[in-house]
């Protein structure tokens, strides 16, 4: 994806110049809890203050966001934007706001200073409680596999959590620094979701972006943990590209993305086979879907709401998978496997699948990780995969299972 022009609500002349060195990392360094930070492969955003919260009512979310942006523009805000998070359950309240000020910079990867390492977190006596336990999670996977063999559904994404408690207040800016500097080419975020609560993470997965008439989606499904041994790491990547189970799981997601975008787009281009992308901890099968909008009226958020939830975070059929999730997971997902992102009054924006994340509050963290369960799934392997996905955040806070 090419780098898009920078966008802003209110910027100073110096900020508009965006010097190549230090522009993006300056925004990262200036983040403090309560502000809204989002870094993508096209830009880095830091929002402060709230001009208006997007209300929660009976109107579809894209309509509420469009109305909030139109009202901000009518009130004199230059180029208003919305930034924040949407829950897994789209009927739940979203945490979206039009900020008072929005500072912007090129992507983190364009800033040489991002290569400098973040501070090492202080040694912390973390208390860790898995919910559910690994054994209970494996039993849930086994039960879902049994139902799939009976033909009730074809896939479900089951998640588990880790509840971490620290003896001292959390250092959220340091967590963000470590996440951003470890995977600067991904999507890093720290967003308030309630008073005193922050959703922070580093997702590898773009749900959808819109720039003018250009639409891009990048579904990920099928994954394997990285290895610190180079030869083993390459072997795992090659095996993933040939895995019948993972290729089938990926194809189901790509087809769902195709079906959701087709009513909005012309000239959809979908590669015949997936490629690989990597994070610091995982390999993922990846397909980049591109298209052109048939009508300029569809905003990036409207496209995102039409796509969400894909089989990559829920399952298929969607309604059945939701019921299995509700009956199996002993917690509310909240914003996990929802979406985070930004949108402007012209309809452009980027919306990202909310994975590799945690909710931070005072001295506690709730980490989330999920795995796609199909009929060929092995409970032990899926439990191990979620454990590997936890590593993204455990490394950021210096904790170990």
Protein backbone atom coordinates (compact mmCIF):
# COMPACT_ATOMS: atom_id res chain seq x y z
CA UNK A 1 0.00 0.00 0.00
CA UNK A 2 1.39 3.39 -0.91
CA UNK A 3 1.79 6.14 1.64
CA UNK A 4 -1.27 8.42 1.63
CA UNK A 5 -1.16 12.19 2.11
CA UNK A 6 -1.18 13.17 5.76
CA UNK A 7 -4.48 14.22 7.29
CA UNK A 8 -5.27 16.43 10.25
CA UNK A 9 -7.97 18.29 12.11
CA UNK A 10 -5.78 21.09 13.50
CA UNK A 11 -2.02 21.15 12.84
CA UNK A 12 0.67 23.75 13.14
CA UNK A 13 2.91 24.80 10.28
CA UNK A 14 5.83 22.91 11.80
CA UNK A 15 3.73 19.76 12.05
CA UNK A 16 2.64 20.06 8.42
CA UNK A 17 6.29 20.04 7.34
CA UNK A 18 6.79 16.54 8.81
CA UNK A 19 10.59 16.26 8.85
CA UNK A 20 11.61 12.75 7.83
CA UNK A 21 13.53 11.99 11.01
CA UNK A 22 11.63 12.00 14.27
CA UNK A 23 8.16 12.97 13.03
CA UNK A 24 6.39 9.69 13.73
CA UNK A 25 8.37 8.74 16.83
CA UNK A 26 7.66 12.19 18.28
CA UNK A 27 3.95 11.35 18.28
CA UNK A 28 4.71 7.96 19.82
CA UNK A 29 6.80 9.65 22.51
CA UNK A 30 4.06 12.22 23.21
CA UNK A 31 1.38 9.62 23.88
CA UNK A 32 -0.11 9.67 27.37
CA UNK A 33 -3.16 7.74 28.64
CA UNK A 34 -6.39 9.46 27.64
CA UNK A 35 -5.02 10.48 24.26
CA UNK A 36 -5.72 8.40 21.15
CA UNK A 37 -2.76 6.91 19.29
CA UNK A 38 -2.94 4.92 16.05
CA UNK A 39 -0.08 3.96 13.74
CA UNK A 40 -0.73 2.28 10.38
CA UNK A 41 1.42 1.54 7.32
CA UNK A 42 0.19 4.83 5.82
CA UNK A 43 0.31 7.31 8.73
CA UNK A 44 0.76 7.96 12.45
CA UNK A 45 -2.00 9.74 14.39
CA UNK A 46 -2.13 11.26 17.87
CA UNK A 47 -5.44 12.79 18.95
CA UNK A 48 -6.06 14.92 22.02
CA UNK A 49 -9.27 16.18 23.57
CA UNK A 50 -12.82 15.42 22.47
CA UNK A 51 -14.83 17.72 20.24
CA UNK A 52 -17.70 15.20 20.23
CA UNK A 53 -18.32 11.57 21.16
CA UNK A 54 -20.19 9.45 18.61
CA UNK A 55 -23.54 8.76 20.31
CA UNK A 56 -25.03 5.33 20.91
CA UNK A 57 -28.57 5.10 19.51
CA UNK A 58 -30.71 3.11 17.08
CA UNK A 59 -29.12 4.52 13.91
CA UNK A 60 -26.54 2.38 12.07
CA UNK A 61 -23.03 3.20 13.25
CA UNK A 62 -21.85 4.66 9.88
CA UNK A 63 -24.79 7.10 9.96
CA UNK A 64 -23.96 8.21 13.52
CA UNK A 65 -20.32 8.75 12.60
CA UNK A 66 -21.22 10.66 9.42
CA UNK A 67 -23.57 12.91 11.40
CA UNK A 68 -20.91 13.60 14.06
CA UNK A 69 -18.35 14.50 11.38
CA UNK A 70 -20.84 16.71 9.52
CA UNK A 71 -21.71 18.51 12.75
CA UNK A 72 -18.02 19.08 13.53
CA UNK A 73 -17.45 20.48 10.04
CA UNK A 74 -20.49 22.75 10.37
CA UNK A 75 -19.10 23.99 13.70
CA UNK A 76 -15.93 25.11 11.97
CA UNK A 77 -13.61 22.12 12.49
CA UNK A 78 -11.27 21.88 9.52
CA UNK A 79 -11.14 18.35 8.05
CA UNK A 80 -12.71 16.53 11.03
CA UNK A 81 -11.86 12.90 11.74
CA UNK A 82 -13.23 10.17 13.94
CA UNK A 83 -10.88 7.78 15.73
CA UNK A 84 -11.45 4.92 18.16
CA UNK A 85 -12.74 1.39 18.63
CA UNK A 86 -15.83 -0.66 17.75
CA UNK A 87 -16.81 -3.72 19.80
CA UNK A 88 -17.05 -7.29 18.49
CA UNK A 89 -20.81 -6.96 18.97
CA UNK A 90 -21.69 -4.02 16.74
CA UNK A 91 -24.85 -3.39 18.77
CA UNK A 92 -22.72 -2.55 21.83
CA UNK A 93 -21.61 1.06 22.43
CA UNK A 94 -18.56 2.09 20.39
CA UNK A 95 -15.66 4.14 21.74
CA UNK A 96 -15.40 6.66 18.89
CA UNK A 97 -14.74 10.38 19.11
CA UNK A 98 -14.07 13.42 16.96
CA UNK A 99 -10.94 14.85 18.61
CA UNK A 100 -10.28 18.51 19.31
CA UNK A 101 -6.81 18.24 17.79
CA UNK A 102 -5.20 15.61 15.60
CA UNK A 103 -1.47 15.58 14.95
CA UNK A 104 -0.24 13.46 12.06
CA UNK A 105 3.00 12.12 10.65
CA UNK A 106 4.18 9.62 8.06
CA UNK A 107 4.21 5.93 9.05
CA UNK A 108 6.55 4.69 11.75
CA UNK A 109 8.54 2.73 9.16
CA UNK A 110 9.46 6.03 7.45
CA UNK A 111 11.10 7.29 10.65
CA UNK A 112 14.65 5.95 11.15
CA UNK A 113 14.36 6.55 14.90
CA UNK A 114 11.82 3.72 15.19
CA UNK A 115 14.78 1.31 14.99
CA UNK A 116 15.96 2.47 18.42
CA UNK A 117 14.91 -0.04 21.07
CA UNK A 118 12.34 0.76 23.71
CA UNK A 119 13.23 0.65 27.37
CA UNK A 120 13.16 -2.74 29.04
CA UNK A 121 10.20 -3.03 31.42
CA UNK A 122 11.06 -3.20 35.10
CA UNK A 123 10.91 -6.62 36.69
CA UNK A 124 7.35 -7.07 37.89
CA UNK A 125 5.84 -9.75 40.06
CA UNK A 126 2.90 -10.36 37.74
CA UNK A 127 0.01 -12.45 39.00
CA UNK A 128 -1.41 -14.31 35.97
CA UNK A 129 -4.76 -16.07 35.84
CA UNK A 130 -5.92 -17.78 32.63
CA UNK A 131 -9.66 -17.56 31.87
CA UNK A 132 -10.54 -20.24 30.91
CA UNK A 133 -7.72 -22.55 31.95
CA UNK A 134 -5.76 -24.14 29.08
CA UNK A 135 -7.44 -27.47 29.88
CA UNK A 136 -10.92 -25.93 29.77
CA UNK A 137 -10.07 -24.15 26.53
CA UNK A 138 -8.95 -27.44 24.97
CA UNK A 139 -12.21 -29.06 26.05
CA UNK A 140 -14.12 -26.23 24.38
CA UNK A 141 -12.18 -26.78 21.15
CA UNK A 142 -12.84 -30.53 21.30
CA UNK A 143 -16.56 -29.93 21.81
CA UNK A 144 -16.69 -27.57 18.82
CA UNK A 145 -14.82 -30.08 16.63
CA UNK A 146 -17.28 -32.81 17.60
CA UNK A 147 -20.21 -30.60 16.60
CA UNK A 148 -18.54 -29.77 13.29
CA UNK A 149 -18.17 -33.46 12.49
CA UNK A 150 -21.93 -33.71 13.08
CA UNK A 151 -22.38 -31.02 10.41
CA UNK A 152 -23.72 -28.24 12.66
CA UNK A 153 -21.26 -25.61 11.39
CA UNK A 154 -17.90 -25.44 9.60
CA UNK A 155 -15.72 -23.05 11.66
CA UNK A 156 -15.65 -21.12 14.90
CA UNK A 157 -13.01 -18.84 16.40
CA UNK A 158 -12.60 -19.55 20.10
CA UNK A 159 -10.65 -17.21 22.34
CA UNK A 160 -9.17 -17.30 25.81
CA UNK A 161 -7.80 -14.58 28.08
CA UNK A 162 -5.06 -13.96 30.59
CA UNK A 163 -5.76 -11.69 33.55
CA UNK A 164 -2.52 -10.01 34.67
CA UNK A 165 -2.30 -8.04 37.90
CA UNK A 166 0.71 -5.91 38.86
CA UNK A 167 1.65 -4.57 42.31
CA UNK A 168 2.15 -1.05 40.88
CA UNK A 169 0.28 1.11 38.32
CA UNK A 170 0.78 0.09 34.70
CA UNK A 171 3.13 1.98 32.38
CA UNK A 172 0.92 2.08 29.28
CA UNK A 173 3.20 4.42 27.26
CA UNK A 174 6.09 1.94 27.69
CA UNK A 175 3.85 -0.93 26.55
CA UNK A 176 2.94 1.07 23.46
CA UNK A 177 6.59 1.89 22.76
CA UNK A 178 7.59 -1.76 22.93
CA UNK A 179 4.71 -2.89 20.72
CA UNK A 180 5.33 -0.19 18.11
CA UNK A 181 9.09 -0.64 17.95
CA UNK A 182 8.85 -4.42 17.72
CA UNK A 183 6.38 -4.45 14.78
CA UNK A 184 6.49 -0.93 13.27
CA UNK A 185 5.00 -2.08 9.94
CA UNK A 186 1.76 -3.24 11.59
CA UNK A 187 -1.13 -1.41 13.22
CA UNK A 188 -0.35 -0.18 16.74
CA UNK A 189 -2.96 1.51 18.91
CA UNK A 190 -3.74 2.88 22.36
CA UNK A 191 -7.32 4.11 22.68
CA UNK A 192 -9.51 4.99 25.67
CA UNK A 193 -12.63 2.81 25.85
CA UNK A 194 -13.97 3.96 29.24
CA UNK A 195 -12.81 6.25 32.05
CA UNK A 196 -9.47 4.88 33.24
CA UNK A 197 -9.46 2.06 30.70
CA UNK A 198 -7.26 1.77 27.60
CA UNK A 199 -7.34 -0.66 24.68
CA UNK A 200 -3.74 -1.16 23.58
CA UNK A 201 -2.28 -3.54 21.02
CA UNK A 202 -0.47 -4.25 17.75
CA UNK A 203 -2.66 -5.90 15.12
CA UNK A 204 -1.29 -7.35 11.87
CA UNK A 205 -4.67 -7.37 10.10
CA UNK A 206 -6.28 -4.64 8.00
CA UNK A 207 -10.03 -5.17 7.78
CA UNK A 208 -10.53 -2.55 5.06
CA UNK A 209 -9.24 0.82 3.92
CA UNK A 210 -10.71 3.37 1.53
CA UNK A 211 -8.81 6.13 -0.21
CA UNK A 212 -10.93 7.89 -2.80
CA UNK A 213 -12.35 5.09 -4.94
CA UNK A 214 -9.63 2.58 -3.99
CA UNK A 215 -10.59 -0.19 -1.55
CA UNK A 216 -8.13 -2.60 0.07
CA UNK A 217 -8.81 -5.52 2.43
CA UNK A 218 -6.17 -7.86 3.82
CA UNK A 219 -7.75 -10.91 5.48
CA UNK A 220 -5.48 -13.15 7.54
CA UNK A 221 -6.40 -16.71 8.47
CA UNK A 222 -4.16 -19.70 9.04
CA UNK A 223 -1.11 -19.15 11.22
CA UNK A 224 1.84 -20.77 12.93
CA UNK A 225 4.23 -19.59 15.65
CA UNK A 226 7.64 -18.18 14.70
CA UNK A 227 10.85 -19.90 15.81
CA UNK A 228 14.04 -18.26 17.07
CA UNK A 229 15.99 -20.79 14.98
CA UNK A 230 16.23 -19.47 11.41
CA UNK A 231 16.05 -22.86 9.68
CA UNK A 232 13.08 -23.95 11.77
CA UNK A 233 11.36 -20.60 11.20
CA UNK A 234 11.68 -21.00 7.42
CA UNK A 235 10.45 -24.60 7.63
CA UNK A 236 7.35 -23.51 9.54
CA UNK A 237 6.61 -20.76 7.01
CA UNK A 238 6.94 -23.19 4.10
CA UNK A 239 4.74 -25.76 5.85
CA UNK A 240 2.04 -23.15 6.46
CA UNK A 241 1.92 -22.35 2.74
CA UNK A 242 1.24 -26.04 2.02
CA UNK A 243 -1.09 -26.82 4.95
CA UNK A 244 -4.43 -28.08 3.59
CA UNK A 245 -6.18 -27.20 6.86
CA UNK A 246 -4.87 -23.63 6.93
CA UNK A 247 -5.37 -23.04 3.21
CA UNK A 248 -9.00 -24.14 3.51
CA UNK A 249 -9.53 -21.92 6.56
CA UNK A 250 -8.00 -19.00 4.66
CA UNK A 251 -10.08 -19.60 1.54
CA UNK A 252 -13.31 -19.46 3.58
CA UNK A 253 -12.36 -16.03 4.93
CA UNK A 254 -11.29 -14.66 1.54
CA UNK A 255 -14.58 -15.82 0.01
CA UNK A 256 -16.53 -14.07 2.78
CA UNK A 257 -14.60 -10.84 2.16
CA UNK A 258 -15.31 -11.17 -1.58
CA UNK A 259 -19.03 -11.64 -0.97
CA UNK A 260 -19.23 -8.68 1.43
CA UNK A 261 -17.34 -6.25 -0.81
CA UNK A 262 -18.88 -7.28 -4.14
CA UNK A 263 -22.06 -5.16 -3.72
CA UNK A 264 -19.92 -2.05 -3.12
CA UNK A 265 -17.10 -2.54 -5.62
CA UNK A 266 -16.18 -3.05 -9.24
CA UNK A 267 -13.04 -4.73 -10.54
CA UNK A 268 -12.34 -6.74 -7.40
CA UNK A 269 -8.95 -8.41 -7.67
CA UNK A 270 -8.31 -11.50 -5.55
CA UNK A 271 -5.05 -13.45 -5.92
CA UNK A 272 -5.42 -17.19 -6.52
CA UNK A 273 -3.15 -18.17 -3.61
CA UNK A 274 -2.23 -16.49 -0.32
CA UNK A 275 1.18 -15.19 0.57
CA UNK A 276 2.84 -14.94 3.98
CA UNK A 277 3.20 -12.04 6.37
CA UNK A 278 5.10 -12.17 9.62
CA UNK A 279 5.05 -10.46 12.96
CA UNK A 280 7.62 -10.83 15.69
CA UNK A 281 5.80 -13.92 16.98
CA UNK A 282 3.63 -15.39 14.18
CA UNK A 283 3.45 -16.32 10.49
CA UNK A 284 0.06 -15.69 8.85
CA UNK A 285 -1.47 -16.60 5.50
CA UNK A 286 -2.41 -13.31 3.84
CA UNK A 287 -4.42 -12.23 0.80
CA UNK A 288 -4.63 -8.61 -0.36
CA UNK A 289 -8.01 -7.90 -1.97
CA UNK A 290 -8.30 -4.70 -4.01
CA UNK A 291 -11.18 -3.03 -5.77
CA UNK A 292 -12.78 0.22 -6.88
CA UNK A 293 -15.91 1.68 -5.31
CA UNK A 294 -18.99 1.56 -7.49
CA UNK A 295 -20.34 4.62 -5.62
CA UNK A 296 -18.46 7.26 -3.60
CA UNK A 297 -21.24 7.20 -1.00
CA UNK A 298 -19.87 4.12 0.80
CA UNK A 299 -17.46 5.19 3.54
CA UNK A 300 -14.60 3.10 4.86
CA UNK A 301 -16.59 2.50 8.05
CA UNK A 302 -19.65 1.34 6.08
CA UNK A 303 -17.46 -1.16 4.26
CA UNK A 304 -15.93 -2.28 7.57
CA UNK A 305 -19.36 -2.82 9.14
CA UNK A 306 -20.43 -4.87 6.10
CA UNK A 307 -17.33 -7.07 6.48
CA UNK A 308 -17.40 -7.46 10.27
CA UNK A 309 -17.24 -10.06 11.66
CA UNK A 310 -15.38 -12.11 9.08
CA UNK A 311 -14.92 -15.86 9.59
CA UNK A 312 -11.35 -14.99 10.69
CA UNK A 313 -12.66 -13.72 14.05
CA UNK A 314 -16.08 -15.36 14.35
CA UNK A 315 -16.67 -18.42 12.15
CA UNK A 316 -19.14 -19.70 9.62
CA UNK A 317 -22.10 -19.68 9.42
CA UNK A 318 -21.83 -16.43 11.36
CA UNK A 319 -25.02 -16.75 13.43
CA UNK A 320 -24.19 -20.29 14.56
CA UNK A 321 -20.59 -19.38 15.30
CA UNK A 322 -21.75 -16.47 17.48
CA UNK A 323 -23.92 -18.85 19.50
CA UNK A 324 -21.03 -21.27 19.95
CA UNK A 325 -18.78 -18.40 21.10
CA UNK A 326 -21.38 -17.21 23.62
CA UNK A 327 -21.85 -20.75 24.93
CA UNK A 328 -18.14 -21.58 25.16
CA UNK A 329 -16.17 -18.46 26.12
CA UNK A 330 -16.61 -17.57 29.84
CA UNK A 331 -16.08 -13.83 29.27
CA UNK A 332 -17.37 -10.93 27.20
CA UNK A 333 -15.05 -10.16 24.28
CA UNK A 334 -15.75 -6.44 24.50
CA UNK A 335 -13.53 -4.72 21.93
CA UNK A 336 -11.42 -7.82 21.22
CA UNK A 337 -12.02 -8.98 17.59
CA UNK A 338 -13.90 -5.75 16.95
CA UNK A 339 -12.17 -3.01 14.96
CA UNK A 340 -10.07 0.08 15.57
CA UNK A 341 -9.31 2.85 13.13
CA UNK A 342 -9.99 6.30 11.75
CA UNK A 343 -12.31 7.89 9.22
CA UNK A 344 -12.77 11.37 7.77
CA UNK A 345 -15.71 13.40 6.55
CA UNK A 346 -14.98 12.42 2.93
CA UNK A 347 -15.44 8.72 3.71
CA UNK A 348 -11.77 7.72 3.62
CA UNK A 349 -10.32 5.69 6.46
CA UNK A 350 -8.60 2.57 7.73
CA UNK A 351 -10.22 -0.03 10.00
CA UNK A 352 -8.19 -2.81 11.58
CA UNK A 353 -9.18 -6.09 13.23
CA UNK A 354 -8.63 -5.74 16.99
CA UNK A 355 -6.32 -8.63 17.80
CA UNK A 356 -2.99 -8.95 19.69
CA UNK A 357 -4.42 -6.59 22.27
CA UNK A 358 -5.20 -6.06 25.92
CA UNK A 359 -7.43 -3.85 28.01
CA UNK A 360 -5.46 -1.96 30.64
CA UNK A 361 -6.90 -0.47 33.82
CA UNK A 362 -5.02 0.73 36.92
CA UNK A 363 -2.92 -2.34 37.85
CA UNK A 364 -4.66 -4.93 35.68
CA UNK A 365 -4.38 -6.18 32.12
CA UNK A 366 -6.72 -8.53 30.28
CA UNK A 367 -4.99 -10.14 27.30
CA UNK A 368 -6.92 -11.87 24.51
CA UNK A 369 -5.98 -14.50 21.93
CA UNK A 370 -8.07 -16.71 19.66
CA UNK A 371 -7.67 -19.53 17.18
CA UNK A 372 -9.74 -20.67 14.21
CA UNK A 373 -11.26 -24.07 14.94
CA UNK A 374 -12.24 -26.34 12.04
CA UNK A 375 -13.08 -30.04 11.85
CA UNK A 376 -9.39 -30.92 11.43
CA UNK A 377 -8.32 -28.92 14.49
CA UNK A 378 -6.35 -30.48 17.34
CA UNK A 379 -7.21 -29.02 20.78
CA UNK A 380 -3.58 -29.09 21.96
CA UNK A 381 -2.38 -27.34 18.81
CA UNK A 382 -5.03 -24.61 19.05
CA UNK A 383 -4.20 -24.06 22.73
CA UNK A 384 -0.52 -23.74 21.80
CA UNK A 385 -1.39 -21.26 19.02
CA UNK A 386 -3.24 -18.98 21.42
CA UNK A 387 -0.27 -19.22 23.77
CA UNK A 388 2.04 -18.08 20.97
CA UNK A 389 -0.26 -15.15 20.18
CA UNK A 390 -0.14 -14.03 23.81
CA UNK A 391 3.62 -13.59 23.38
CA UNK A 392 3.13 -10.28 21.51
CA UNK A 393 1.81 -8.63 24.63
CA UNK A 394 3.61 -10.69 27.26
CA UNK A 395 6.92 -9.59 25.73
CA UNK A 396 5.76 -5.97 25.84
CA UNK A 397 5.27 -6.09 29.60
CA UNK A 398 8.09 -8.49 30.48
CA UNK A 399 5.80 -11.33 31.61
CA UNK A 400 5.94 -15.06 30.93
CA UNK A 401 3.38 -17.81 31.18
